[in-house]
Amino acid sequence: MAARMKTSRAAVDRLLDASNSSVTLNTLGKAARALGRKVKIELVPA
């Protein structure tokens, strides 16, 4: 997955770490594209 994202294995480990709350949208987008997916963010009424 790191190769598909063109990043390090450590970056993928951080992405998959549930306790890491500093994942950026850019990194999430790279991961999604590596899996053939898209990120969809939706704002809904509270």
N, C-alpha and C. Protein backbone atom coordinates (compact mmCIF):
# COMPACT_ATOMS: atom_id res chain seq x y z
N MET A 1 0.83 -1.18 0.00
CA MET A 1 0.00 0.00 0.00
C MET A 1 0.88 1.25 0.00
N ALA A 2 1.97 1.21 0.72
CA ALA A 2 2.87 2.36 0.76
C ALA A 2 3.39 2.69 -0.64
N ALA A 3 3.72 1.67 -1.40
CA ALA A 3 4.21 1.90 -2.76
C ALA A 3 3.12 2.52 -3.63
N ARG A 4 1.90 2.04 -3.50
CA ARG A 4 0.79 2.60 -4.28
C ARG A 4 0.51 4.05 -3.90
N MET A 5 0.72 4.38 -2.61
CA MET A 5 0.51 5.74 -2.15
C MET A 5 1.72 6.64 -2.41
N LYS A 6 2.82 6.02 -2.83
CA LYS A 6 4.09 6.73 -3.03
C LYS A 6 4.52 7.43 -1.75
N THR A 7 4.50 6.65 -0.66
CA THR A 7 4.89 7.16 0.65
C THR A 7 5.62 6.06 1.40
N SER A 8 5.99 6.34 2.62
CA SER A 8 6.74 5.36 3.41
C SER A 8 5.79 4.40 4.14
N ARG A 9 6.37 3.29 4.54
CA ARG A 9 5.59 2.33 5.32
C ARG A 9 5.21 2.93 6.68
N ALA A 10 6.08 3.77 7.23
CA ALA A 10 5.79 4.44 8.50
C ALA A 10 4.57 5.33 8.37
N ALA A 11 4.42 6.00 7.23
CA ALA A 11 3.26 6.86 7.01
C ALA A 11 1.98 6.03 6.96
N VAL A 12 2.05 4.87 6.35
CA VAL A 12 0.88 3.98 6.30
C VAL A 12 0.57 3.47 7.71
N ASP A 13 1.60 3.14 8.47
CA ASP A 13 1.39 2.70 9.85
C ASP A 13 0.68 3.78 10.66
N ARG A 14 1.09 5.04 10.48
CA ARG A 14 0.43 6.14 11.19
C ARG A 14 -1.02 6.27 10.74
N LEU A 15 -1.28 6.09 9.46
CA LEU A 15 -2.63 6.18 8.93
C LEU A 15 -3.54 5.12 9.55
N LEU A 16 -2.99 3.93 9.74
CA LEU A 16 -3.78 2.82 10.27
C LEU A 16 -3.85 2.78 11.79
N ASP A 17 -3.12 3.69 12.45
CA ASP A 17 -3.12 3.76 13.91
C ASP A 17 -4.37 4.49 14.39
N ALA A 18 -5.27 3.78 15.02
CA ALA A 18 -6.55 4.36 15.46
C ALA A 18 -6.36 5.48 16.48
N SER A 19 -5.24 5.48 17.19
CA SER A 19 -5.02 6.53 18.20
C SER A 19 -4.40 7.79 17.60
N ASN A 20 -4.05 7.76 16.32
CA ASN A 20 -3.46 8.93 15.65
C ASN A 20 -4.59 9.78 15.08
N SER A 21 -4.78 10.95 15.66
CA SER A 21 -5.86 11.83 15.21
C SER A 21 -5.37 12.93 14.28
N SER A 22 -4.14 12.82 13.80
CA SER A 22 -3.59 13.88 12.95
C SER A 22 -3.49 13.49 11.48
N VAL A 23 -4.33 12.57 11.04
CA VAL A 23 -4.35 12.16 9.64
C VAL A 23 -4.93 13.30 8.80
N THR A 24 -4.25 13.65 7.72
CA THR A 24 -4.75 14.74 6.88
C THR A 24 -5.68 14.21 5.80
N LEU A 25 -6.48 15.10 5.24
CA LEU A 25 -7.35 14.71 4.13
C LEU A 25 -6.54 14.28 2.93
N ASN A 26 -5.39 14.90 2.73
CA ASN A 26 -4.51 14.53 1.62
C ASN A 26 -4.06 13.08 1.76
N THR A 27 -3.63 12.70 2.95
CA THR A 27 -3.19 11.32 3.19
C THR A 27 -4.34 10.35 3.04
N LEU A 28 -5.49 10.72 3.55
CA LEU A 28 -6.67 9.87 3.42
C LEU A 28 -7.05 9.70 1.95
N GLY A 29 -6.93 10.77 1.17
CA GLY A 29 -7.20 10.69 -0.26
C GLY A 29 -6.24 9.78 -0.98
N LYS A 30 -4.96 9.85 -0.63
CA LYS A 30 -3.96 8.96 -1.23
C LYS A 30 -4.27 7.50 -0.92
N ALA A 31 -4.66 7.24 0.31
CA ALA A 31 -5.00 5.87 0.70
C ALA A 31 -6.22 5.38 -0.07
N ALA A 32 -7.21 6.23 -0.20
CA ALA A 32 -8.41 5.86 -0.94
C ALA A 32 -8.08 5.55 -2.39
N ARG A 33 -7.28 6.40 -3.03
CA ARG A 33 -6.90 6.17 -4.44
C ARG A 33 -6.10 4.88 -4.58
N ALA A 34 -5.25 4.58 -3.59
CA ALA A 34 -4.47 3.34 -3.64
C ALA A 34 -5.37 2.11 -3.61
N LEU A 35 -6.55 2.28 -3.03
CA LEU A 35 -7.52 1.18 -2.94
C LEU A 35 -8.60 1.26 -4.02
N GLY A 36 -8.44 2.22 -4.94
CA GLY A 36 -9.43 2.38 -6.00
C GLY A 36 -10.72 3.00 -5.52
N ARG A 37 -10.65 3.81 -4.50
CA ARG A 37 -11.83 4.43 -3.91
C ARG A 37 -11.68 5.94 -3.89
N LYS A 38 -12.74 6.64 -3.49
CA LYS A 38 -12.74 8.08 -3.31
C LYS A 38 -13.15 8.39 -1.89
N VAL A 39 -12.73 9.54 -1.40
CA VAL A 39 -13.19 10.01 -0.09
C VAL A 39 -14.38 10.92 -0.34
N LYS A 40 -15.44 10.70 0.41
CA LYS A 40 -16.63 11.54 0.30
C LYS A 40 -16.91 12.12 1.68
N ILE A 41 -16.90 13.44 1.74
CA ILE A 41 -17.21 14.13 2.99
C ILE A 41 -18.55 14.83 2.80
N GLU A 42 -19.42 14.62 3.74
CA GLU A 42 -20.77 15.17 3.62
C GLU A 42 -21.11 15.90 4.91
N LEU A 43 -21.63 17.11 4.76
CA LEU A 43 -22.13 17.86 5.90
C LEU A 43 -23.63 17.67 5.97
N VAL A 44 -24.10 17.24 7.12
CA VAL A 44 -25.52 16.97 7.29
C VAL A 44 -26.07 17.82 8.43
N PRO A 45 -27.37 18.08 8.44
CA PRO A 45 -27.95 18.85 9.54
C PRO A 45 -27.69 18.18 10.89
N ALA A 46 -27.48 18.99 11.89
CA ALA A 46 -27.22 18.45 13.23
C ALA A 46 -28.50 18.00 13.90
